[in-house]
Structures are given as structure tokens and as C-alpha cells.
Amino acid sequence: MSDVHQHQAGEPSPHDHDASSGRGRARADAPRDAAARGGSVLTVRAHSGLSGDMFLAGLMRMTGMEGDALDGLLGSILPELAGSVRLIRREVNHVGGWHAEVTLPHQHVHRSLADIVAIIASSGLSPAGRELSTGSFTLLAEAEAAVHGKRPEDVRFHEVGALDSILDICLSCELFARLDPSRFVVSPLPMADGEVSCAHGILPVPAPAVLELLEGVPVRPFAGRGETVTPTALALLRSLGAQFGPWPAMRVERRALVYGTYVFENAPNGAMFAWGRGTGNSGAVTI
């Protein structure tokens, strides 16, 4: 269930890197319980993992963003992104769901945080989308810097700076900003043993950047082996102001089961997205 184009759960996964605890979230208007009662609620139930492409698929279903409108938005971020994503039906173990199919030209570009921030600043994203995207990449740079003993501004993103990560993060942040839920509640994240192959070699999971981002995050064991949660997904959770807890009290109005690229044996349910109106306090924990 990992990122579709850079690393997959349990296989080569050199890609996203998120910020550690204390770095908090970039979203200034974090959800407030009082305001959330009766307000809109987005919840993600990550049964077997969460990745950048799964975020895309879920948020595309929640916002209904497809077709020409999606292509126009992608092209406003970077011209190379136009026409690069389509939402398709997919079955895993005979259970139907949705998948964000991404087709991009190959680019092996090493970018600094400043390079990526400049791309975001000149894009056609909304002000909120630009703020959330910049926050997500800043968290990734901070985590990578902590792992390698560098300053965030000295980090050179490898796969993280490639088109697919810019796509995953910028499009997810823009769709989230348009959805603008009063609360964003996520299940405790599944963690498994195993290894992942990346630019730094074969590493145990969770990989160092993921481990850096996990402080304060509720987790639970998962019976599969390999990478279940990618750095991109963790960066998004933090920058989008996620709370962690059980299903929130809500009236479900939109729902989707989404899949990433990697398939765990006997675990067809990738992640469930649901959006609706809040009906009470769920007691979720904010990190």
C-alpha cells in the first residue's frame, strides 16, 4: 500500500520523508472539537497502510475531482503533470475499490527544499493548497535532515523531489483544502516488520524518516511484512492536522475504499475514506 511510483510497501521505497513529532503540523487552523460538532468530518481508516497515491485516490473520490477539471489543475501545478492521473476501479482479492493510476515522464532530478517551494509558489494552487504543500515538503526536509545530520535547506531530495512526489503532495493538499473538513480523523496506523529498498540501501521498516515522523503517532501491529505507511503519507497527515482515534460520530455522505500499488497477502482493504457531517465528539487524539 505504498506510494505508487517510488516505493511500494515492502519493496523499494526511497521516497517521502516526514517531520518528526514536535514539528507538529503546518495547518494553522487545526480542527477544534467544538467547531466540528455539526461541521464536516473527513476520516481515513488505514487498515493495511497509507501512501501518497492512496491519498490521491481517496481525496479524488471525496471531492469528485476528475476529467478536464483535474487535468487543468495538474497543469497549473506543473505543465508536465497535465493528464498524468486518472481514477480507476481496481479489485484486490475480489474486493472492488479505487486506485489513482499515475503515468509520468521519467525524471531523476535532485531538488532542494527551496527548489520545490519555488515550484509551489509559482503554481496555480490556491493559497491554502500552497501553504499545506509547502508545509508538507518542509516536514519531509526536516525529517531527512534529522536522519542524515544536515540542515533542512541542505537536503537534496532524490525520489522525494521527483514529479510523482510533487504530484502526490501538491494535488492532495489542494483537494484537501477544497474539501476543508472541520475535523480530520485517522485510525491508528498499522506497522509491520520487514524491509524496504531505497536510495540508501535495504533498510528495516519503518525506514528512518518514517521513524522520525512517528513520535507521538498512535500505531498498531499489522500481520503483513513490509512498508505499510510511507513518508509522504505521514508528512500529509501532519501537515493536514490529522487527529488519531476511532471512527468519529458522523453521518456518512461520501465513502470510498482505495488501494495503493503493493498488495499484502490476505489483506484486501487498503484504506477507507469517508466524509460527512459530525454528530458529536469522537475523543480523537491530536498530535
C-alpha atoms as a PDB file:
ATOM      1  CA  MET A   1       0.000   0.000   0.000  1.00  0.00           C
ATOM      2  CA  SER A   2       2.800   2.347  -0.533  1.00  0.00           C
ATOM      3  CA  ASP A   3       3.466   5.143  -2.862  1.00  0.00           C
ATOM      4  CA  VAL A   4       2.609   4.094  -6.324  1.00  0.00           C
ATOM      5  CA  HIS A   5       5.611   5.298  -8.189  1.00  0.00           C
ATOM      6  CA  GLN A   6       8.528   5.484  -5.868  1.00  0.00           C
ATOM      7  CA  HIS A   7       8.291   2.867  -3.341  1.00  0.00           C
ATOM      8  CA  GLN A   8       5.813   0.269  -2.510  1.00  0.00           C
ATOM      9  CA  ALA A   9       5.083  -1.241   0.791  1.00  0.00           C
ATOM     10  CA  GLY A  10       7.587  -3.957   1.358  1.00  0.00           C
ATOM     11  CA  GLU A  11       9.591  -3.090  -1.752  1.00  0.00           C
ATOM     12  CA  PRO A  12      11.876  -0.308  -2.920  1.00  0.00           C
ATOM     13  CA  SER A  13      10.676   2.734  -1.126  1.00  0.00           C
ATOM     14  CA  PRO A  14      13.111   5.615  -1.221  1.00  0.00           C
ATOM     15  CA  HIS A  15      10.598   8.365  -1.378  1.00  0.00           C
ATOM     16  CA  ASP A  16       8.813  10.605   1.031  1.00  0.00           C
ATOM     17  CA  HIS A  17      10.181  11.795   4.305  1.00  0.00           C
ATOM     18  CA  ASP A  18       8.192  13.458   7.050  1.00  0.00           C
ATOM     19  CA  ALA A  19       8.780  15.616  10.030  1.00  0.00           C
ATOM     20  CA  SER A  20       9.228  14.289  13.486  1.00  0.00           C
ATOM     21  CA  SER A  21       6.982  14.983  16.422  1.00  0.00           C
ATOM     22  CA  GLY A  22       7.316  18.409  17.826  1.00  0.00           C
ATOM     23  CA  ARG A  23       7.452  19.740  14.297  1.00  0.00           C
ATOM     24  CA  GLY A  24       3.714  19.450  14.515  1.00  0.00           C
ATOM     25  CA  ARG A  25       1.507  20.278  11.598  1.00  0.00           C
ATOM     26  CA  ALA A  26       1.688  23.085   9.129  1.00  0.00           C
ATOM     27  CA  ARG A  27      -2.035  23.649   9.254  1.00  0.00           C
ATOM     28  CA  ALA A  28      -2.671  26.642  11.478  1.00  0.00           C
ATOM     29  CA  ASP A  29      -6.405  26.094  11.770  1.00  0.00           C
ATOM     30  CA  ALA A  30      -6.224  22.613  13.295  1.00  0.00           C
ATOM     31  CA  PRO A  31      -9.635  21.025  13.824  1.00  0.00           C
ATOM     32  CA  ARG A  32     -11.433  22.035  17.004  1.00  0.00           C
ATOM     33  CA  ASP A  33     -13.892  19.680  18.659  1.00  0.00           C
ATOM     34  CA  ALA A  34     -16.381  22.424  19.462  1.00  0.00           C
ATOM     35  CA  ALA A  35     -16.429  23.694  15.884  1.00  0.00           C
ATOM     36  CA  ALA A  36     -16.558  20.173  14.496  1.00  0.00           C
ATOM     37  CA  ARG A  37     -19.903  19.241  16.011  1.00  0.00           C
ATOM     38  CA  GLY A  38     -22.228  19.549  13.066  1.00  0.00           C
ATOM     39  CA  GLY A  39     -19.313  20.575  10.824  1.00  0.00           C
ATOM     40  CA  SER A  40     -17.814  18.460   8.060  1.00  0.00           C
ATOM     41  CA  VAL A  41     -15.674  15.478   9.007  1.00  0.00           C
ATOM     42  CA  LEU A  42     -13.157  13.508   6.952  1.00  0.00           C
ATOM     43  CA  THR A  43     -11.969  10.184   8.307  1.00  0.00           C
ATOM     44  CA  VAL A  44      -9.399   7.732   6.958  1.00  0.00           C
ATOM     45  CA  ARG A  45      -9.360   4.193   8.286  1.00  0.00           C
ATOM     46  CA  ALA A  46      -5.963   2.800   7.294  1.00  0.00           C
ATOM     47  CA  HIS A  47      -6.450  -0.963   7.563  1.00  0.00           C
ATOM     48  CA  SER A  48      -3.241  -2.074   5.850  1.00  0.00           C
ATOM     49  CA  GLY A  49      -1.423   1.184   5.230  1.00  0.00           C
ATOM     50  CA  LEU A  50      -1.438   4.633   3.708  1.00  0.00           C
ATOM     51  CA  SER A  51       0.563   6.216   0.887  1.00  0.00           C
ATOM     52  CA  GLY A  52       0.608   9.237  -1.371  1.00  0.00           C
ATOM     53  CA  ASP A  53      -1.298   7.602  -4.212  1.00  0.00           C
ATOM     54  CA  MET A  54      -3.921   6.323  -1.772  1.00  0.00           C
ATOM     55  CA  PHE A  55      -4.390   9.874  -0.503  1.00  0.00           C
ATOM     56  CA  LEU A  56      -4.934  10.969  -4.089  1.00  0.00           C
ATOM     57  CA  ALA A  57      -7.495   8.275  -4.811  1.00  0.00           C
ATOM     58  CA  GLY A  58      -9.409   8.926  -1.595  1.00  0.00           C
ATOM     59  CA  LEU A  59      -9.490  12.703  -1.948  1.00  0.00           C
ATOM     60  CA  MET A  60     -10.416  12.497  -5.626  1.00  0.00           C
ATOM     61  CA  ARG A  61     -13.420  10.401  -4.620  1.00  0.00           C
ATOM     62  CA  MET A  62     -14.336  12.729  -1.757  1.00  0.00           C
ATOM     63  CA  THR A  63     -14.183  15.870  -3.948  1.00  0.00           C
ATOM     64  CA  GLY A  64     -15.365  14.366  -7.243  1.00  0.00           C
ATOM     65  CA  MET A  65     -12.334  15.912  -8.968  1.00  0.00           C
ATOM     66  CA  GLU A  66     -11.759  14.123 -12.282  1.00  0.00           C
ATOM     67  CA  GLY A  67     -11.564  14.709 -16.023  1.00  0.00           C
ATOM     68  CA  ASP A  68     -10.871  18.128 -17.540  1.00  0.00           C
ATOM     69  CA  ALA A  69     -11.022  19.942 -14.206  1.00  0.00           C
ATOM     70  CA  LEU A  70      -8.356  17.644 -12.777  1.00  0.00           C
ATOM     71  CA  ASP A  71      -6.133  17.984 -15.848  1.00  0.00           C
ATOM     72  CA  GLY A  72      -6.406  21.760 -15.674  1.00  0.00           C
ATOM     73  CA  LEU A  73      -5.432  21.760 -12.007  1.00  0.00           C
ATOM     74  CA  LEU A  74      -2.471  19.438 -12.649  1.00  0.00           C
ATOM     75  CA  GLY A  75      -1.237  21.582 -15.497  1.00  0.00           C
ATOM     76  CA  SER A  76      -1.391  24.659 -13.275  1.00  0.00           C
ATOM     77  CA  ILE A  77       0.982  22.970 -10.812  1.00  0.00           C
ATOM     78  CA  LEU A  78       3.483  21.859 -13.468  1.00  0.00           C
ATOM     79  CA  PRO A  79       2.789  21.515 -17.212  1.00  0.00           C
ATOM     80  CA  GLU A  80       4.352  18.035 -17.148  1.00  0.00           C
ATOM     81  CA  LEU A  81       1.625  16.842 -14.787  1.00  0.00           C
ATOM     82  CA  ALA A  82      -1.326  17.511 -17.106  1.00  0.00           C
ATOM     83  CA  GLY A  83      -3.098  14.276 -17.986  1.00  0.00           C
ATOM     84  CA  SER A  84      -0.926  12.235 -15.643  1.00  0.00           C
ATOM     85  CA  VAL A  85      -3.585  10.901 -13.240  1.00  0.00           C
ATOM     86  CA  ARG A  86      -6.802   9.008 -13.672  1.00  0.00           C
ATOM     87  CA  LEU A  87      -9.003   7.291 -11.128  1.00  0.00           C
ATOM     88  CA  ILE A  88      -9.694   3.663 -11.993  1.00  0.00           C
ATOM     89  CA  ARG A  89     -11.638   0.791 -10.481  1.00  0.00           C
ATOM     90  CA  ARG A  90      -9.454  -1.967  -9.102  1.00  0.00           C
ATOM     91  CA  GLU A  91     -10.107  -5.309  -7.452  1.00  0.00           C
ATOM     92  CA  VAL A  92      -7.887  -6.853  -4.784  1.00  0.00           C
ATOM     93  CA  ASN A  93      -8.834 -10.345  -3.636  1.00  0.00           C
ATOM     94  CA  HIS A  94     -12.137  -9.863  -5.499  1.00  0.00           C
ATOM     95  CA  VAL A  95     -12.996  -6.757  -3.451  1.00  0.00           C
ATOM     96  CA  GLY A  96     -13.588  -3.663  -5.583  1.00  0.00           C
ATOM     97  CA  GLY A  97     -12.104  -0.267  -4.798  1.00  0.00           C
ATOM     98  CA  TRP A  98     -10.409   2.746  -6.367  1.00  0.00           C
ATOM     99  CA  HIS A  99      -6.840   3.404  -7.421  1.00  0.00           C
ATOM    100  CA  ALA A 100      -5.048   6.547  -8.642  1.00  0.00           C
ATOM    101  CA  GLU A 101      -3.231   5.452 -11.794  1.00  0.00           C
ATOM    102  CA  VAL A 102      -0.304   7.769 -12.466  1.00  0.00           C
ATOM    103  CA  THR A 103       1.719   7.962 -15.677  1.00  0.00           C
ATOM    104  CA  LEU A 104       4.636  10.400 -15.669  1.00  0.00           C
ATOM    105  CA  PRO A 105       7.733  11.012 -17.785  1.00  0.00           C
ATOM    106  CA  HIS A 106      10.882   9.735 -16.123  1.00  0.00           C
ATOM    107  CA  GLN A 107      12.818  12.409 -14.282  1.00  0.00           C
ATOM    108  CA  HIS A 108      15.731  11.805 -11.967  1.00  0.00           C
ATOM    109  CA  VAL A 109      16.107  15.286 -10.567  1.00  0.00           C
ATOM    110  CA  HIS A 110      17.664  16.189  -7.239  1.00  0.00           C
ATOM    111  CA  ARG A 111      15.866  19.217  -5.852  1.00  0.00           C
ATOM    112  CA  SER A 112      16.411  21.271  -2.731  1.00  0.00           C
ATOM    113  CA  LEU A 113      13.598  22.393  -0.482  1.00  0.00           C
ATOM    114  CA  ALA A 114      13.997  25.879  -1.956  1.00  0.00           C
ATOM    115  CA  ASP A 115      13.548  24.465  -5.476  1.00  0.00           C
ATOM    116  CA  ILE A 116      10.314  22.745  -4.501  1.00  0.00           C
ATOM    117  CA  VAL A 117       8.991  25.740  -2.570  1.00  0.00           C
ATOM    118  CA  ALA A 118       9.595  27.878  -5.661  1.00  0.00           C
ATOM    119  CA  ILE A 119       7.610  25.434  -7.818  1.00  0.00           C
ATOM    120  CA  ILE A 120       4.745  25.522  -5.328  1.00  0.00           C
ATOM    121  CA  ALA A 121       4.820  29.330  -5.037  1.00  0.00           C
ATOM    122  CA  SER A 122       4.551  29.777  -8.811  1.00  0.00           C
ATOM    123  CA  SER A 123       1.868  27.114  -9.242  1.00  0.00           C
ATOM    124  CA  GLY A 124      -1.832  27.596  -9.754  1.00  0.00           C
ATOM    125  CA  LEU A 125      -2.683  26.131  -6.352  1.00  0.00           C
ATOM    126  CA  SER A 126      -4.977  28.035  -4.036  1.00  0.00           C
ATOM    127  CA  PRO A 127      -3.316  29.951  -1.166  1.00  0.00           C
ATOM    128  CA  ALA A 128      -4.380  27.190   1.246  1.00  0.00           C
ATOM    129  CA  GLY A 129      -3.107  24.498  -1.116  1.00  0.00           C
ATOM    130  CA  ARG A 130       0.252  26.232  -1.452  1.00  0.00           C
ATOM    131  CA  GLU A 131       0.572  26.625   2.323  1.00  0.00           C
ATOM    132  CA  LEU A 132      -0.222  22.982   3.016  1.00  0.00           C
ATOM    133  CA  SER A 133       2.058  21.741   0.226  1.00  0.00           C
ATOM    134  CA  THR A 134       4.957  23.879   1.422  1.00  0.00           C
ATOM    135  CA  GLY A 135       4.378  22.640   4.972  1.00  0.00           C
ATOM    136  CA  SER A 136       4.400  19.009   3.864  1.00  0.00           C
ATOM    137  CA  PHE A 137       7.679  19.310   1.981  1.00  0.00           C
ATOM    138  CA  THR A 138       9.208  21.268   4.856  1.00  0.00           C
ATOM    139  CA  LEU A 139       8.337  18.407   7.199  1.00  0.00           C
ATOM    140  CA  LEU A 140       9.969  15.958   4.805  1.00  0.00           C
ATOM    141  CA  ALA A 141      13.125  18.064   4.640  1.00  0.00           C
ATOM    142  CA  GLU A 142      13.267  18.335   8.434  1.00  0.00           C
ATOM    143  CA  ALA A 143      12.933  14.580   8.847  1.00  0.00           C
ATOM    144  CA  GLU A 144      15.543  13.843   6.205  1.00  0.00           C
ATOM    145  CA  ALA A 145      17.864  16.384   7.767  1.00  0.00           C
ATOM    146  CA  ALA A 146      17.444  14.802  11.204  1.00  0.00           C
ATOM    147  CA  VAL A 147      18.231  11.355   9.799  1.00  0.00           C
ATOM    148  CA  HIS A 148      21.376  12.462   7.964  1.00  0.00           C
ATOM    149  CA  GLY A 149      22.653  15.155  10.298  1.00  0.00           C
ATOM    150  CA  LYS A 150      22.084  18.040   7.898  1.00  0.00           C
ATOM    151  CA  ARG A 151      20.223  21.306   7.857  1.00  0.00           C
ATOM    152  CA  PRO A 152      16.835  21.143   6.089  1.00  0.00           C
ATOM    153  CA  GLU A 153      17.998  23.662   3.482  1.00  0.00           C
ATOM    154  CA  ASP A 154      20.947  21.398   2.630  1.00  0.00           C
ATOM    155  CA  VAL A 155      18.820  18.327   1.966  1.00  0.00           C
ATOM    156  CA  ARG A 156      18.649  17.213  -1.643  1.00  0.00           C
ATOM    157  CA  PHE A 157      15.530  15.224  -2.342  1.00  0.00           C
ATOM    158  CA  HIS A 158      16.037  12.216  -4.555  1.00  0.00           C
ATOM    159  CA  GLU A 159      12.825  10.363  -5.284  1.00  0.00           C
ATOM    160  CA  VAL A 160      11.067  12.778  -2.935  1.00  0.00           C
ATOM    161  CA  GLY A 161      11.796  15.640  -5.306  1.00  0.00           C
ATOM    162  CA  ALA A 162      10.623  13.767  -8.387  1.00  0.00           C
ATOM    163  CA  LEU A 163       7.455  14.607 -10.245  1.00  0.00           C
ATOM    164  CA  ASP A 164       5.422  11.915  -8.550  1.00  0.00           C
ATOM    165  CA  SER A 165       6.037  13.272  -5.056  1.00  0.00           C
ATOM    166  CA  ILE A 166       5.253  16.806  -6.173  1.00  0.00           C
ATOM    167  CA  LEU A 167       2.109  15.377  -7.714  1.00  0.00           C
ATOM    168  CA  ASP A 168       1.098  13.372  -4.636  1.00  0.00           C
ATOM    169  CA  ILE A 169       1.654  16.167  -2.159  1.00  0.00           C
ATOM    170  CA  CYS A 170       0.502  19.212  -4.119  1.00  0.00           C
ATOM    171  CA  LEU A 171      -2.640  17.613  -5.515  1.00  0.00           C
ATOM    172  CA  SER A 172      -3.561  16.013  -2.182  1.00  0.00           C
ATOM    173  CA  CYS A 173      -3.105  19.325  -0.354  1.00  0.00           C
ATOM    174  CA  GLU A 174      -5.172  21.225  -2.912  1.00  0.00           C
ATOM    175  CA  LEU A 175      -8.023  18.697  -2.812  1.00  0.00           C
ATOM    176  CA  PHE A 176      -7.939  18.685   0.987  1.00  0.00           C
ATOM    177  CA  ALA A 177      -8.070  22.495   1.030  1.00  0.00           C
ATOM    178  CA  ARG A 178     -11.099  22.416  -1.247  1.00  0.00           C
ATOM    179  CA  LEU A 179     -12.806  19.811   0.911  1.00  0.00           C
ATOM    180  CA  ASP A 180     -11.876  21.860   4.012  1.00  0.00           C
ATOM    181  CA  PRO A 181     -13.179  19.493   6.722  1.00  0.00           C
ATOM    182  CA  SER A 182     -13.759  20.828  10.215  1.00  0.00           C
ATOM    183  CA  ARG A 183     -12.145  17.640  11.530  1.00  0.00           C
ATOM    184  CA  PHE A 184      -9.725  15.143  10.018  1.00  0.00           C
ATOM    185  CA  VAL A 185      -9.637  11.881  11.984  1.00  0.00           C
ATOM    186  CA  VAL A 186      -7.376   8.933  11.142  1.00  0.00           C
ATOM    187  CA  SER A 187      -7.216   5.447  12.630  1.00  0.00           C
ATOM    188  CA  PRO A 188      -4.070   4.338  14.473  1.00  0.00           C
ATOM    189  CA  LEU A 189      -1.522   3.464  11.792  1.00  0.00           C
ATOM    190  CA  PRO A 190      -0.663  -0.188  11.051  1.00  0.00           C
ATOM    191  CA  MET A 191       3.018  -1.074  11.468  1.00  0.00           C
ATOM    192  CA  ALA A 192       4.711  -4.261  10.279  1.00  0.00           C
ATOM    193  CA  ASP A 193       8.196  -5.727  10.367  1.00  0.00           C
ATOM    194  CA  GLY A 194      10.216  -6.302   7.213  1.00  0.00           C
ATOM    195  CA  GLU A 195      12.464  -4.224   4.981  1.00  0.00           C
ATOM    196  CA  VAL A 196      12.362  -1.629   2.247  1.00  0.00           C
ATOM    197  CA  SER A 197      14.832  -0.951  -0.559  1.00  0.00           C
ATOM    198  CA  CYS A 198      15.694   2.691  -1.218  1.00  0.00           C
ATOM    199  CA  ALA A 199      18.447   5.046  -2.337  1.00  0.00           C
ATOM    200  CA  HIS A 200      20.290   4.332   0.936  1.00  0.00           C
ATOM    201  CA  GLY A 201      20.169   0.547   0.539  1.00  0.00           C
ATOM    202  CA  ILE A 202      17.970  -2.069   2.172  1.00  0.00           C
ATOM    203  CA  LEU A 203      16.577  -0.712   5.413  1.00  0.00           C
ATOM    204  CA  PRO A 204      14.336  -2.164   8.117  1.00  0.00           C
ATOM    205  CA  VAL A 205      10.839  -0.783   8.353  1.00  0.00           C
ATOM    206  CA  PRO A 206       9.759   1.641   9.439  1.00  0.00           C
ATOM    207  CA  ALA A 207      12.527   3.386   7.480  1.00  0.00           C
ATOM    208  CA  PRO A 208      14.481   6.089   9.358  1.00  0.00           C
ATOM    209  CA  ALA A 209      12.491   9.052   8.000  1.00  0.00           C
ATOM    210  CA  VAL A 210       9.217   7.318   8.833  1.00  0.00           C
ATOM    211  CA  LEU A 211      10.520   6.513  12.316  1.00  0.00           C
ATOM    212  CA  GLU A 212      11.458  10.175  12.717  1.00  0.00           C
ATOM    213  CA  LEU A 213       7.877  11.136  11.955  1.00  0.00           C
ATOM    214  CA  LEU A 214       6.204   8.535  14.145  1.00  0.00           C
ATOM    215  CA  GLU A 215       6.849  10.140  17.520  1.00  0.00           C
ATOM    216  CA  GLY A 216       3.507  10.793  19.171  1.00  0.00           C
ATOM    217  CA  VAL A 217       1.537   8.953  16.478  1.00  0.00           C
ATOM    218  CA  PRO A 218      -0.743   6.095  17.629  1.00  0.00           C
ATOM    219  CA  VAL A 219       0.172   2.830  15.902  1.00  0.00           C
ATOM    220  CA  ARG A 220      -0.982  -0.787  15.989  1.00  0.00           C
ATOM    221  CA  PRO A 221       0.550  -4.079  14.817  1.00  0.00           C
ATOM    222  CA  PHE A 222      -0.144  -5.421  11.329  1.00  0.00           C
ATOM    223  CA  ALA A 223       0.396  -9.067  10.407  1.00  0.00           C
ATOM    224  CA  GLY A 224       1.887  -8.416   6.960  1.00  0.00           C
ATOM    225  CA  ARG A 225       5.542  -7.708   6.235  1.00  0.00           C
ATOM    226  CA  GLY A 226       6.984  -4.618   4.608  1.00  0.00           C
ATOM    227  CA  GLU A 227       6.345  -0.903   4.476  1.00  0.00           C
ATOM    228  CA  THR A 228       2.782  -0.038   5.397  1.00  0.00           C
ATOM    229  CA  VAL A 229       2.958   3.748   5.774  1.00  0.00           C
ATOM    230  CA  THR A 230       5.139   5.911   3.555  1.00  0.00           C
ATOM    231  CA  PRO A 231       6.928   9.139   4.489  1.00  0.00           C
ATOM    232  CA  THR A 232       4.724  11.083   2.074  1.00  0.00           C
ATOM    233  CA  ALA A 233       1.612   9.831   3.838  1.00  0.00           C
ATOM    234  CA  LEU A 234       2.998  10.783   7.247  1.00  0.00           C
ATOM    235  CA  ALA A 235       4.005  14.239   6.021  1.00  0.00           C
ATOM    236  CA  LEU A 236       0.487  14.761   4.730  1.00  0.00           C
ATOM    237  CA  LEU A 237      -1.110  13.553   7.958  1.00  0.00           C
ATOM    238  CA  ARG A 238       0.922  16.025   9.977  1.00  0.00           C
ATOM    239  CA  SER A 239       0.611  18.996   7.650  1.00  0.00           C
ATOM    240  CA  LEU A 240      -3.138  18.473   7.243  1.00  0.00           C
ATOM    241  CA  GLY A 241      -3.672  18.487  11.008  1.00  0.00           C
ATOM    242  CA  ALA A 242      -4.760  14.870  11.465  1.00  0.00           C
ATOM    243  CA  GLN A 243      -6.189  13.632  14.738  1.00  0.00           C
ATOM    244  CA  PHE A 244      -5.970   9.934  15.588  1.00  0.00           C
ATOM    245  CA  GLY A 245      -8.772   7.911  17.065  1.00  0.00           C
ATOM    246  CA  PRO A 246     -11.785   5.676  16.407  1.00  0.00           C
ATOM    247  CA  TRP A 247     -14.500   6.386  13.890  1.00  0.00           C
ATOM    248  CA  PRO A 248     -15.830   9.885  14.590  1.00  0.00           C
ATOM    249  CA  ALA A 249     -19.523  10.400  15.283  1.00  0.00           C
ATOM    250  CA  MET A 250     -20.736  11.447  11.851  1.00  0.00           C
ATOM    251  CA  ARG A 251     -23.361  10.996   9.164  1.00  0.00           C
ATOM    252  CA  VAL A 252     -21.559   9.415   6.199  1.00  0.00           C
ATOM    253  CA  GLU A 253     -22.306  11.158   2.904  1.00  0.00           C
ATOM    254  CA  ARG A 254     -19.372  10.035   0.750  1.00  0.00           C
ATOM    255  CA  ARG A 255     -17.214   6.937   1.076  1.00  0.00           C
ATOM    256  CA  ALA A 256     -14.529   5.059  -0.842  1.00  0.00           C
ATOM    257  CA  LEU A 257     -12.262   2.060  -0.458  1.00  0.00           C
ATOM    258  CA  VAL A 258      -8.887   2.852  -2.034  1.00  0.00           C
ATOM    259  CA  TYR A 259      -5.838   0.793  -2.902  1.00  0.00           C
ATOM    260  CA  GLY A 260      -2.170   1.613  -3.372  1.00  0.00           C
ATOM    261  CA  THR A 261       0.218  -0.366  -5.548  1.00  0.00           C
ATOM    262  CA  TYR A 262       1.518  -3.012  -3.170  1.00  0.00           C
ATOM    263  CA  VAL A 263      -0.806  -5.862  -2.187  1.00  0.00           C
ATOM    264  CA  PHE A 264      -0.458  -7.622   1.157  1.00  0.00           C
ATOM    265  CA  GLU A 265      -1.472 -11.261   1.239  1.00  0.00           C
ATOM    266  CA  ASN A 266      -4.990 -11.759   2.630  1.00  0.00           C
ATOM    267  CA  ALA A 267      -5.450  -8.043   3.330  1.00  0.00           C
ATOM    268  CA  PRO A 268      -7.590  -6.554   0.551  1.00  0.00           C
ATOM    269  CA  ASN A 269      -8.794  -3.492   2.443  1.00  0.00           C
ATOM    270  CA  GLY A 270      -6.246  -0.761   1.794  1.00  0.00           C
ATOM    271  CA  ALA A 271      -7.813   2.346   3.334  1.00  0.00           C
ATOM    272  CA  MET A 272     -11.351   3.607   3.733  1.00  0.00           C
ATOM    273  CA  PHE A 273     -12.192   7.292   3.257  1.00  0.00           C
ATOM    274  CA  ALA A 274     -15.470   8.753   4.497  1.00  0.00           C
ATOM    275  CA  TRP A 275     -16.793  12.310   4.563  1.00  0.00           C
ATOM    276  CA  GLY A 276     -19.917  13.689   6.172  1.00  0.00           C
ATOM    277  CA  ARG A 277     -21.361  15.869   8.925  1.00  0.00           C
ATOM    278  CA  GLY A 278     -20.240  15.487  12.521  1.00  0.00           C
ATOM    279  CA  THR A 279     -22.782  14.495  15.115  1.00  0.00           C
ATOM    280  CA  GLY A 280     -20.683  14.599  18.299  1.00  0.00           C
ATOM    281  CA  ASN A 281     -17.252  14.363  19.898  1.00  0.00           C
ATOM    282  CA  SER A 282     -15.215  11.272  18.974  1.00  0.00           C
ATOM    283  CA  GLY A 283     -12.465  11.734  21.548  1.00  0.00           C
ATOM    284  CA  ALA A 284      -9.693  11.600  18.969  1.00  0.00           C
ATOM    285  CA  VAL A 285      -6.096  12.385  19.979  1.00  0.00           C
ATOM    286  CA  THR A 286      -4.307  15.293  18.316  1.00  0.00           C
ATOM    287  CA  ILE A 287      -0.551  15.029  17.795  1.00  0.00           C
END
